[in-house]
């Protein structure tokens, strides 16, 4: 009877040595084995590996950045600083923003250019009450999130404006199909309303956290009125009768919600540059669906 002898693991020190020696002929195999074992190694070996990979090519650096982010050690800072200042790679910036001293972030704030960089920088810097948040660099939801997570407050009038600005935004969204909150019920027979959209529900969430319950209550009353307008509308009655699938129902219901939300908005939240209701609700070509025979009648 033949027995199979299992292959023994190569010592991690040998793998690191073979990986660093680019002439070893074993770089690829060593890399794969190191990455497979990394999360189960001793911390002293993990540090050696991260630093070795930071000295390598772009693909290996990207892997090392993610490990440095989660397994941060002060010894990584000089190399991460050097790489970020020379290459400004996105994943490298994540480690800088999360782990570098706030003084460094403050001095280099204009050099972080990715869309979400400013949000994460604010989460660290805004705990200092003297730091001025640039609202123009943040979405309304990110701005409120920063205020909440850094212990700041929001003016009642500003809170109201931010909320209805987001309603205006979803009304004008040219591709709103995937904009619903994940908990919104968009199945046939249910009404989609302004609060069903994630950019609106997120603002409501943070306003509650920031103690703006009165603004939330006022919005909920306004939202109920919009729901009633939708329920009584000819558009909703039509899709309730027609034999259409769930996908088409969702698309049409979203457009009905956008129309009646826009009509119900206070004029101060509308803009002269806004398109007409008809242009606003034109479906994108990729989900444009022909009317049913009953609708044609």
C-alpha atoms as a PDB file:
ATOM      1  CA  UNK A   1       0.000   0.000   0.000  1.00  0.00           C
ATOM      2  CA  UNK A   2       1.440   3.383  -1.061  1.00  0.00           C
ATOM      3  CA  UNK A   3       1.328   6.279   1.381  1.00  0.00           C
ATOM      4  CA  UNK A   4       1.272   9.929   0.334  1.00  0.00           C
ATOM      5  CA  UNK A   5       3.677  12.158   2.207  1.00  0.00           C
ATOM      6  CA  UNK A   6       2.389  15.705   2.640  1.00  0.00           C
ATOM      7  CA  UNK A   7       4.650  18.541   1.552  1.00  0.00           C
ATOM      8  CA  UNK A   8       6.202  20.421   4.456  1.00  0.00           C
ATOM      9  CA  UNK A   9       5.855  24.192   4.704  1.00  0.00           C
ATOM     10  CA  UNK A  10       8.898  26.235   3.724  1.00  0.00           C
ATOM     11  CA  UNK A  11      10.025  28.401   6.675  1.00  0.00           C
ATOM     12  CA  UNK A  12       8.626  31.932   6.338  1.00  0.00           C
ATOM     13  CA  UNK A  13      12.142  33.391   6.688  1.00  0.00           C
ATOM     14  CA  UNK A  14      13.166  31.452   3.570  1.00  0.00           C
ATOM     15  CA  UNK A  15      10.122  32.660   1.653  1.00  0.00           C
ATOM     16  CA  UNK A  16      10.849  36.279   2.557  1.00  0.00           C
ATOM     17  CA  UNK A  17      14.481  35.847   1.532  1.00  0.00           C
ATOM     18  CA  UNK A  18      13.482  34.294  -1.817  1.00  0.00           C
ATOM     19  CA  UNK A  19      10.922  37.061  -2.419  1.00  0.00           C
ATOM     20  CA  UNK A  20      13.419  39.863  -1.724  1.00  0.00           C
ATOM     21  CA  UNK A  21      16.074  38.240  -3.949  1.00  0.00           C
ATOM     22  CA  UNK A  22      14.695  39.050  -7.386  1.00  0.00           C
ATOM     23  CA  UNK A  23      17.242  36.698  -8.949  1.00  0.00           C
ATOM     24  CA  UNK A  24      16.160  33.692  -6.907  1.00  0.00           C
ATOM     25  CA  UNK A  25      13.744  32.425  -9.550  1.00  0.00           C
ATOM     26  CA  UNK A  26      11.243  31.901  -6.736  1.00  0.00           C
ATOM     27  CA  UNK A  27       9.719  35.387  -6.415  1.00  0.00           C
ATOM     28  CA  UNK A  28       6.288  34.475  -7.771  1.00  0.00           C
ATOM     29  CA  UNK A  29       5.944  31.271  -5.752  1.00  0.00           C
ATOM     30  CA  UNK A  30       7.225  32.994  -2.612  1.00  0.00           C
ATOM     31  CA  UNK A  31       4.824  35.906  -3.074  1.00  0.00           C
ATOM     32  CA  UNK A  32       1.818  33.617  -3.388  1.00  0.00           C
ATOM     33  CA  UNK A  33       2.767  31.558  -0.361  1.00  0.00           C
ATOM     34  CA  UNK A  34       3.508  34.655   1.763  1.00  0.00           C
ATOM     35  CA  UNK A  35       0.166  36.225   0.921  1.00  0.00           C
ATOM     36  CA  UNK A  36      -1.646  32.969   1.661  1.00  0.00           C
ATOM     37  CA  UNK A  37      -0.075  32.670   5.107  1.00  0.00           C
ATOM     38  CA  UNK A  38       0.159  36.351   6.068  1.00  0.00           C
ATOM     39  CA  UNK A  39      -2.822  36.682   8.441  1.00  0.00           C
ATOM     40  CA  UNK A  40      -1.633  33.708  10.506  1.00  0.00           C
ATOM     41  CA  UNK A  41       2.004  34.741  10.950  1.00  0.00           C
ATOM     42  CA  UNK A  42       3.771  36.280  13.931  1.00  0.00           C
ATOM     43  CA  UNK A  43       3.724  40.072  14.052  1.00  0.00           C
ATOM     44  CA  UNK A  44       7.505  40.360  13.598  1.00  0.00           C
ATOM     45  CA  UNK A  45       7.230  38.428  10.315  1.00  0.00           C
ATOM     46  CA  UNK A  46       4.203  40.439   9.180  1.00  0.00           C
ATOM     47  CA  UNK A  47       6.162  43.686   9.619  1.00  0.00           C
ATOM     48  CA  UNK A  48       9.081  42.350   7.551  1.00  0.00           C
ATOM     49  CA  UNK A  49       6.692  41.274   4.807  1.00  0.00           C
ATOM     50  CA  UNK A  50       4.835  44.604   4.609  1.00  0.00           C
ATOM     51  CA  UNK A  51       8.092  46.534   4.375  1.00  0.00           C
ATOM     52  CA  UNK A  52       9.454  44.132   1.739  1.00  0.00           C
ATOM     53  CA  UNK A  53       6.323  44.454  -0.392  1.00  0.00           C
ATOM     54  CA  UNK A  54       6.374  48.257  -0.081  1.00  0.00           C
ATOM     55  CA  UNK A  55       9.811  48.143  -1.728  1.00  0.00           C
ATOM     56  CA  UNK A  56       8.446  46.173  -4.701  1.00  0.00           C
ATOM     57  CA  UNK A  57       6.355  46.838  -7.812  1.00  0.00           C
ATOM     58  CA  UNK A  58       2.928  48.481  -7.979  1.00  0.00           C
ATOM     59  CA  UNK A  59       0.811  45.327  -7.627  1.00  0.00           C
ATOM     60  CA  UNK A  60       2.728  44.216  -4.541  1.00  0.00           C
ATOM     61  CA  UNK A  61       2.619  47.741  -3.095  1.00  0.00           C
ATOM     62  CA  UNK A  62      -1.168  47.804  -3.449  1.00  0.00           C
ATOM     63  CA  UNK A  63      -1.388  44.601  -1.420  1.00  0.00           C
ATOM     64  CA  UNK A  64       1.022  46.003   1.179  1.00  0.00           C
ATOM     65  CA  UNK A  65      -0.964  49.242   1.517  1.00  0.00           C
ATOM     66  CA  UNK A  66      -4.086  47.293   2.502  1.00  0.00           C
ATOM     67  CA  UNK A  67      -2.119  45.291   5.084  1.00  0.00           C
ATOM     68  CA  UNK A  68      -0.435  48.424   6.460  1.00  0.00           C
ATOM     69  CA  UNK A  69      -3.864  49.998   6.828  1.00  0.00           C
ATOM     70  CA  UNK A  70      -5.131  47.152   9.024  1.00  0.00           C
ATOM     71  CA  UNK A  71      -1.876  46.148  10.751  1.00  0.00           C
ATOM     72  CA  UNK A  72      -0.424  49.610  11.229  1.00  0.00           C
ATOM     73  CA  UNK A  73       2.937  50.094  12.907  1.00  0.00           C
ATOM     74  CA  UNK A  74       4.941  53.292  13.329  1.00  0.00           C
ATOM     75  CA  UNK A  75       7.831  51.631  11.474  1.00  0.00           C
ATOM     76  CA  UNK A  76       5.774  51.806   8.241  1.00  0.00           C
ATOM     77  CA  UNK A  77       5.462  55.594   8.365  1.00  0.00           C
ATOM     78  CA  UNK A  78       8.760  56.658   6.699  1.00  0.00           C
ATOM     79  CA  UNK A  79       8.274  54.360   3.694  1.00  0.00           C
ATOM     80  CA  UNK A  80       4.558  55.134   3.344  1.00  0.00           C
ATOM     81  CA  UNK A  81       5.371  58.870   3.524  1.00  0.00           C
ATOM     82  CA  UNK A  82       8.038  58.529   0.844  1.00  0.00           C
ATOM     83  CA  UNK A  83       5.755  56.568  -1.482  1.00  0.00           C
ATOM     84  CA  UNK A  84       2.767  58.870  -1.011  1.00  0.00           C
ATOM     85  CA  UNK A  85       4.753  62.048  -1.610  1.00  0.00           C
ATOM     86  CA  UNK A  86       6.285  60.618  -4.795  1.00  0.00           C
ATOM     87  CA  UNK A  87       3.422  58.543  -6.240  1.00  0.00           C
ATOM     88  CA  UNK A  88       0.175  59.705  -4.553  1.00  0.00           C
ATOM     89  CA  UNK A  89      -1.348  56.253  -5.017  1.00  0.00           C
ATOM     90  CA  UNK A  90      -4.941  56.023  -3.787  1.00  0.00           C
ATOM     91  CA  UNK A  91      -4.539  53.049  -1.447  1.00  0.00           C
ATOM     92  CA  UNK A  92      -1.413  54.614   0.005  1.00  0.00           C
ATOM     93  CA  UNK A  93      -3.400  57.743   0.872  1.00  0.00           C
ATOM     94  CA  UNK A  94      -5.844  55.629   2.918  1.00  0.00           C
ATOM     95  CA  UNK A  95      -3.060  54.650   5.317  1.00  0.00           C
ATOM     96  CA  UNK A  96      -1.801  58.237   5.471  1.00  0.00           C
ATOM     97  CA  UNK A  97      -5.243  59.632   6.280  1.00  0.00           C
ATOM     98  CA  UNK A  98      -6.017  57.031   8.934  1.00  0.00           C
ATOM     99  CA  UNK A  99      -2.660  56.788  10.704  1.00  0.00           C
ATOM    100  CA  UNK A 100      -0.482  59.850  10.111  1.00  0.00           C
ATOM    101  CA  UNK A 101      -0.379  62.704  12.660  1.00  0.00           C
ATOM    102  CA  UNK A 102      -3.161  65.284  12.239  1.00  0.00           C
ATOM    103  CA  UNK A 103      -0.515  67.988  11.803  1.00  0.00           C
ATOM    104  CA  UNK A 104       0.731  66.238   8.652  1.00  0.00           C
ATOM    105  CA  UNK A 105      -2.809  65.926   7.287  1.00  0.00           C
ATOM    106  CA  UNK A 106      -3.519  69.580   7.977  1.00  0.00           C
ATOM    107  CA  UNK A 107      -0.317  70.711   6.232  1.00  0.00           C
ATOM    108  CA  UNK A 108      -0.981  68.546   3.161  1.00  0.00           C
ATOM    109  CA  UNK A 109      -4.767  68.697   2.969  1.00  0.00           C
ATOM    110  CA  UNK A 110      -4.832  70.196  -0.544  1.00  0.00           C
ATOM    111  CA  UNK A 111      -2.713  67.334  -1.898  1.00  0.00           C
ATOM    112  CA  UNK A 112      -5.411  64.734  -1.201  1.00  0.00           C
ATOM    113  CA  UNK A 113      -7.493  64.750  -4.367  1.00  0.00           C
ATOM    114  CA  UNK A 114      -9.646  61.622  -4.359  1.00  0.00           C
ATOM    115  CA  UNK A 115     -13.389  62.324  -4.016  1.00  0.00           C
ATOM    116  CA  UNK A 116     -13.697  60.735  -0.568  1.00  0.00           C
ATOM    117  CA  UNK A 117     -10.340  61.844   0.864  1.00  0.00           C
ATOM    118  CA  UNK A 118     -11.662  65.093   2.307  1.00  0.00           C
ATOM    119  CA  UNK A 119     -14.458  63.290   4.159  1.00  0.00           C
ATOM    120  CA  UNK A 120     -12.054  60.952   5.969  1.00  0.00           C
ATOM    121  CA  UNK A 121      -9.633  63.793   6.679  1.00  0.00           C
ATOM    122  CA  UNK A 122     -12.498  65.768   8.230  1.00  0.00           C
ATOM    123  CA  UNK A 123     -13.349  62.865  10.509  1.00  0.00           C
ATOM    124  CA  UNK A 124      -9.914  63.294  12.080  1.00  0.00           C
ATOM    125  CA  UNK A 125      -9.400  67.061  11.889  1.00  0.00           C
ATOM    126  CA  UNK A 126     -12.895  68.277  12.759  1.00  0.00           C
ATOM    127  CA  UNK A 127     -12.594  67.054  16.340  1.00  0.00           C
ATOM    128  CA  UNK A 128     -10.546  70.233  16.761  1.00  0.00           C
ATOM    129  CA  UNK A 129     -13.199  72.957  17.077  1.00  0.00           C
ATOM    130  CA  UNK A 130     -10.912  75.443  15.307  1.00  0.00           C
ATOM    131  CA  UNK A 131     -10.884  73.390  12.100  1.00  0.00           C
ATOM    132  CA  UNK A 132     -13.231  74.917   9.514  1.00  0.00           C
ATOM    133  CA  UNK A 133     -15.120  72.367   7.417  1.00  0.00           C
ATOM    134  CA  UNK A 134     -15.364  73.229   3.725  1.00  0.00           C
ATOM    135  CA  UNK A 135     -18.948  72.179   2.931  1.00  0.00           C
ATOM    136  CA  UNK A 136     -18.318  72.562  -0.803  1.00  0.00           C
ATOM    137  CA  UNK A 137     -16.028  69.529  -0.719  1.00  0.00           C
ATOM    138  CA  UNK A 138     -18.640  67.277   0.910  1.00  0.00           C
ATOM    139  CA  UNK A 139     -22.019  65.895  -0.043  1.00  0.00           C
ATOM    140  CA  UNK A 140     -24.863  66.878   2.286  1.00  0.00           C
ATOM    141  CA  UNK A 141     -24.896  63.414   3.844  1.00  0.00           C
ATOM    142  CA  UNK A 142     -21.115  63.379   4.354  1.00  0.00           C
ATOM    143  CA  UNK A 143     -21.244  66.858   5.877  1.00  0.00           C
ATOM    144  CA  UNK A 144     -23.874  65.787   8.416  1.00  0.00           C
ATOM    145  CA  UNK A 145     -21.952  62.575   9.118  1.00  0.00           C
ATOM    146  CA  UNK A 146     -18.812  64.587   9.919  1.00  0.00           C
ATOM    147  CA  UNK A 147     -20.779  66.878  12.251  1.00  0.00           C
ATOM    148  CA  UNK A 148     -22.245  63.905  14.091  1.00  0.00           C
ATOM    149  CA  UNK A 149     -19.082  61.803  14.348  1.00  0.00           C
ATOM    150  CA  UNK A 150     -16.967  64.747  15.557  1.00  0.00           C
ATOM    151  CA  UNK A 151     -19.438  65.995  18.159  1.00  0.00           C
ATOM    152  CA  UNK A 152     -20.516  69.138  16.346  1.00  0.00           C
ATOM    153  CA  UNK A 153     -24.025  70.544  15.908  1.00  0.00           C
ATOM    154  CA  UNK A 154     -26.080  71.871  12.988  1.00  0.00           C
ATOM    155  CA  UNK A 155     -28.225  74.986  12.730  1.00  0.00           C
ATOM    156  CA  UNK A 156     -31.947  74.237  12.357  1.00  0.00           C
ATOM    157  CA  UNK A 157     -32.318  76.303   9.173  1.00  0.00           C
ATOM    158  CA  UNK A 158     -29.240  74.692   7.667  1.00  0.00           C
ATOM    159  CA  UNK A 159     -30.562  71.232   8.586  1.00  0.00           C
ATOM    160  CA  UNK A 160     -33.845  71.897   6.816  1.00  0.00           C
ATOM    161  CA  UNK A 161     -32.106  73.250   3.718  1.00  0.00           C
ATOM    162  CA  UNK A 162     -29.770  70.228   3.487  1.00  0.00           C
ATOM    163  CA  UNK A 163     -32.718  67.842   3.701  1.00  0.00           C
ATOM    164  CA  UNK A 164     -34.807  69.445   0.965  1.00  0.00           C
ATOM    165  CA  UNK A 165     -31.740  70.030  -1.208  1.00  0.00           C
ATOM    166  CA  UNK A 166     -31.335  66.250  -1.259  1.00  0.00           C
ATOM    167  CA  UNK A 167     -35.005  65.835  -2.207  1.00  0.00           C
ATOM    168  CA  UNK A 168     -34.392  68.277  -5.074  1.00  0.00           C
ATOM    169  CA  UNK A 169     -31.309  66.280  -6.056  1.00  0.00           C
ATOM    170  CA  UNK A 170     -33.189  62.960  -6.371  1.00  0.00           C
ATOM    171  CA  UNK A 171     -35.942  64.684  -8.347  1.00  0.00           C
ATOM    172  CA  UNK A 172     -33.375  65.742 -10.947  1.00  0.00           C
ATOM    173  CA  UNK A 173     -31.364  62.499 -10.899  1.00  0.00           C
ATOM    174  CA  UNK A 174     -31.146  61.296 -14.492  1.00  0.00           C
ATOM    175  CA  UNK A 175     -30.424  57.710 -13.413  1.00  0.00           C
ATOM    176  CA  UNK A 176     -32.438  57.118 -10.214  1.00  0.00           C
ATOM    177  CA  UNK A 177     -33.174  53.399 -10.565  1.00  0.00           C
ATOM    178  CA  UNK A 178     -30.506  52.306  -8.069  1.00  0.00           C
ATOM    179  CA  UNK A 179     -30.953  55.321  -5.752  1.00  0.00           C
ATOM    180  CA  UNK A 180     -33.492  53.752  -3.380  1.00  0.00           C
ATOM    181  CA  UNK A 181     -32.705  52.991   0.235  1.00  0.00           C
ATOM    182  CA  UNK A 182     -32.001  49.281   0.691  1.00  0.00           C
ATOM    183  CA  UNK A 183     -34.955  48.976   3.074  1.00  0.00           C
ATOM    184  CA  UNK A 184     -37.415  50.671   0.720  1.00  0.00           C
ATOM    185  CA  UNK A 185     -40.301  48.430  -0.344  1.00  0.00           C
ATOM    186  CA  UNK A 186     -40.502  48.765  -4.117  1.00  0.00           C
ATOM    187  CA  UNK A 187     -42.642  45.694  -4.786  1.00  0.00           C
ATOM    188  CA  UNK A 188     -45.891  45.975  -6.732  1.00  0.00           C
ATOM    189  CA  UNK A 189     -48.674  47.761  -4.901  1.00  0.00           C
ATOM    190  CA  UNK A 190     -46.394  49.760  -2.599  1.00  0.00           C
ATOM    191  CA  UNK A 191     -45.809  53.493  -2.845  1.00  0.00           C
ATOM    192  CA  UNK A 192     -42.317  54.920  -3.236  1.00  0.00           C
ATOM    193  CA  UNK A 193     -42.020  58.387  -1.705  1.00  0.00           C
ATOM    194  CA  UNK A 194     -39.187  60.895  -1.124  1.00  0.00           C
ATOM    195  CA  UNK A 195     -38.129  59.142   2.106  1.00  0.00           C
ATOM    196  CA  UNK A 196     -37.613  55.923   0.118  1.00  0.00           C
ATOM    197  CA  UNK A 197     -34.436  57.319  -1.480  1.00  0.00           C
ATOM    198  CA  UNK A 198     -31.158  56.588   0.299  1.00  0.00           C
ATOM    199  CA  UNK A 199     -29.789  60.145   0.008  1.00  0.00           C
ATOM    200  CA  UNK A 200     -32.910  61.392   1.788  1.00  0.00           C
ATOM    201  CA  UNK A 201     -33.136  58.629   4.388  1.00  0.00           C
ATOM    202  CA  UNK A 202     -29.450  59.145   5.258  1.00  0.00           C
ATOM    203  CA  UNK A 203     -30.020  62.839   5.926  1.00  0.00           C
ATOM    204  CA  UNK A 204     -32.994  61.940   8.127  1.00  0.00           C
ATOM    205  CA  UNK A 205     -30.828  59.439  10.014  1.00  0.00           C
ATOM    206  CA  UNK A 206     -28.133  62.005  10.813  1.00  0.00           C
ATOM    207  CA  UNK A 207     -30.639  64.752  11.645  1.00  0.00           C
ATOM    208  CA  UNK A 208     -32.147  62.448  14.269  1.00  0.00           C
ATOM    209  CA  UNK A 209     -28.660  61.777  15.641  1.00  0.00           C
ATOM    210  CA  UNK A 210     -27.944  65.518  15.704  1.00  0.00           C
ATOM    211  CA  UNK A 211     -31.098  66.266  17.699  1.00  0.00           C
ATOM    212  CA  UNK A 212     -33.136  67.806  14.862  1.00  0.00           C
ATOM    213  CA  UNK A 213     -36.237  65.733  15.584  1.00  0.00           C
ATOM    214  CA  UNK A 214     -38.586  68.644  14.848  1.00  0.00           C
ATOM    215  CA  UNK A 215     -37.198  68.991  11.313  1.00  0.00           C
ATOM    216  CA  UNK A 216     -37.588  65.237  10.813  1.00  0.00           C
ATOM    217  CA  UNK A 217     -41.185  65.344  12.082  1.00  0.00           C
ATOM    218  CA  UNK A 218     -42.035  68.222   9.726  1.00  0.00           C
ATOM    219  CA  UNK A 219     -40.529  66.291   6.833  1.00  0.00           C
ATOM    220  CA  UNK A 220     -42.474  63.144   7.695  1.00  0.00           C
ATOM    221  CA  UNK A 221     -45.710  65.162   7.580  1.00  0.00           C
ATOM    222  CA  UNK A 222     -44.684  66.624   4.216  1.00  0.00           C
ATOM    223  CA  UNK A 223     -43.758  63.135   2.981  1.00  0.00           C
ATOM    224  CA  UNK A 224     -47.202  61.819   3.971  1.00  0.00           C
ATOM    225  CA  UNK A 225     -48.835  64.550   1.891  1.00  0.00           C
ATOM    226  CA  UNK A 226     -46.689  63.575  -1.091  1.00  0.00           C
ATOM    227  CA  UNK A 227     -47.689  59.924  -0.577  1.00  0.00           C
ATOM    228  CA  UNK A 228     -51.359  60.924  -0.642  1.00  0.00           C
ATOM    229  CA  UNK A 229     -50.835  62.885  -3.873  1.00  0.00           C
ATOM    230  CA  UNK A 230     -49.135  59.848  -5.389  1.00  0.00           C
ATOM    231  CA  UNK A 231     -51.875  57.483  -4.224  1.00  0.00           C
ATOM    232  CA  UNK A 232     -54.571  59.692  -5.800  1.00  0.00           C
ATOM    233  CA  UNK A 233     -52.619  60.235  -9.023  1.00  0.00           C
ATOM    234  CA  UNK A 234     -53.704  58.827 -12.369  1.00  0.00           C
ATOM    235  CA  UNK A 235     -50.161  57.497 -12.890  1.00  0.00           C
ATOM    236  CA  UNK A 236     -50.266  55.334  -9.749  1.00  0.00           C
ATOM    237  CA  UNK A 237     -53.766  54.073 -10.506  1.00  0.00           C
ATOM    238  CA  UNK A 238     -52.601  53.127 -13.996  1.00  0.00           C
ATOM    239  CA  UNK A 239     -49.630  51.018 -12.916  1.00  0.00           C
ATOM    240  CA  UNK A 240     -51.764  49.389 -10.220  1.00  0.00           C
ATOM    241  CA  UNK A 241     -54.091  48.075 -12.918  1.00  0.00           C
ATOM    242  CA  UNK A 242     -51.694  47.252 -15.747  1.00  0.00           C
ATOM    243  CA  UNK A 243     -50.025  43.862 -15.972  1.00  0.00           C
ATOM    244  CA  UNK A 244     -46.366  44.907 -15.671  1.00  0.00           C
ATOM    245  CA  UNK A 245     -43.403  43.149 -14.096  1.00  0.00           C
ATOM    246  CA  UNK A 246     -41.638  44.165 -10.870  1.00  0.00           C
ATOM    247  CA  UNK A 247     -38.777  45.854 -12.715  1.00  0.00           C
ATOM    248  CA  UNK A 248     -41.079  48.057 -14.776  1.00  0.00           C
ATOM    249  CA  UNK A 249     -43.250  48.814 -11.729  1.00  0.00           C
ATOM    250  CA  UNK A 250     -40.210  49.973  -9.762  1.00  0.00           C
ATOM    251  CA  UNK A 251     -38.992  52.196 -12.608  1.00  0.00           C
ATOM    252  CA  UNK A 252     -42.363  53.836 -13.109  1.00  0.00           C
ATOM    253  CA  UNK A 253     -43.003  54.214  -9.380  1.00  0.00           C
ATOM    254  CA  UNK A 254     -39.667  55.989  -8.942  1.00  0.00           C
ATOM    255  CA  UNK A 255     -40.579  58.491 -11.647  1.00  0.00           C
ATOM    256  CA  UNK A 256     -44.004  59.092 -10.111  1.00  0.00           C
ATOM    257  CA  UNK A 257     -42.348  59.743  -6.735  1.00  0.00           C
ATOM    258  CA  UNK A 258     -39.863  62.163  -8.300  1.00  0.00           C
ATOM    259  CA  UNK A 259     -42.626  64.060 -10.087  1.00  0.00           C
ATOM    260  CA  UNK A 260     -44.853  64.583  -7.074  1.00  0.00           C
ATOM    261  CA  UNK A 261     -41.928  65.301  -4.752  1.00  0.00           C
ATOM    262  CA  UNK A 262     -40.775  68.047  -7.116  1.00  0.00           C
ATOM    263  CA  UNK A 263     -44.270  69.524  -7.419  1.00  0.00           C
ATOM    264  CA  UNK A 264     -44.556  69.588  -3.609  1.00  0.00           C
ATOM    265  CA  UNK A 265     -41.167  71.243  -3.042  1.00  0.00           C
ATOM    266  CA  UNK A 266     -41.145  74.807  -1.794  1.00  0.00           C
ATOM    267  CA  UNK A 267     -40.081  77.157  -4.589  1.00  0.00           C
ATOM    268  CA  UNK A 268     -37.018  78.231  -2.606  1.00  0.00           C
ATOM    269  CA  UNK A 269     -35.523  74.791  -3.176  1.00  0.00           C
ATOM    270  CA  UNK A 270     -36.083  74.867  -6.935  1.00  0.00           C
ATOM    271  CA  UNK A 271     -33.770  76.493  -9.468  1.00  0.00           C
ATOM    272  CA  UNK A 272     -34.417  78.425 -12.638  1.00  0.00           C
ATOM    273  CA  UNK A 273     -32.112  75.992 -14.437  1.00  0.00           C
ATOM    274  CA  UNK A 274     -34.307  72.980 -13.551  1.00  0.00           C
ATOM    275  CA  UNK A 275     -35.664  71.076 -16.574  1.00  0.00           C
ATOM    276  CA  UNK A 276     -39.366  70.697 -17.173  1.00  0.00           C
ATOM    277  CA  UNK A 277     -41.175  67.829 -15.455  1.00  0.00           C
ATOM    278  CA  UNK A 278     -41.410  66.026 -18.815  1.00  0.00           C
ATOM    279  CA  UNK A 279     -37.678  66.299 -19.501  1.00  0.00           C
ATOM    280  CA  UNK A 280     -36.833  65.455 -15.913  1.00  0.00           C
ATOM    281  CA  UNK A 281     -38.663  62.134 -16.086  1.00  0.00           C
ATOM    282  CA  UNK A 282     -37.529  60.914 -19.487  1.00  0.00           C
ATOM    283  CA  UNK A 283     -36.232  57.355 -18.936  1.00  0.00           C
ATOM    284  CA  UNK A 284     -32.708  56.476 -19.962  1.00  0.00           C
ATOM    285  CA  UNK A 285     -32.540  54.421 -23.141  1.00  0.00           C
ATOM    286  CA  UNK A 286     -31.210  51.314 -21.416  1.00  0.00           C
ATOM    287  CA  UNK A 287     -34.375  50.870 -19.383  1.00  0.00           C
ATOM    288  CA  UNK A 288     -36.924  52.514 -21.661  1.00  0.00           C
ATOM    289  CA  UNK A 289     -39.891  50.156 -21.959  1.00  0.00           C
ATOM    290  CA  UNK A 290     -42.671  50.267 -24.518  1.00  0.00           C
ATOM    291  CA  UNK A 291     -46.152  50.970 -23.117  1.00  0.00           C
ATOM    292  CA  UNK A 292     -48.428  47.985 -22.672  1.00  0.00           C
ATOM    293  CA  UNK A 293     -51.350  47.464 -25.093  1.00  0.00           C
ATOM    294  CA  UNK A 294     -53.757  48.709 -22.384  1.00  0.00           C
ATOM    295  CA  UNK A 295     -51.702  51.881 -21.954  1.00  0.00           C
ATOM    296  CA  UNK A 296     -51.786  52.567 -25.693  1.00  0.00           C
ATOM    297  CA  UNK A 297     -55.558  52.576 -25.506  1.00  0.00           C
END
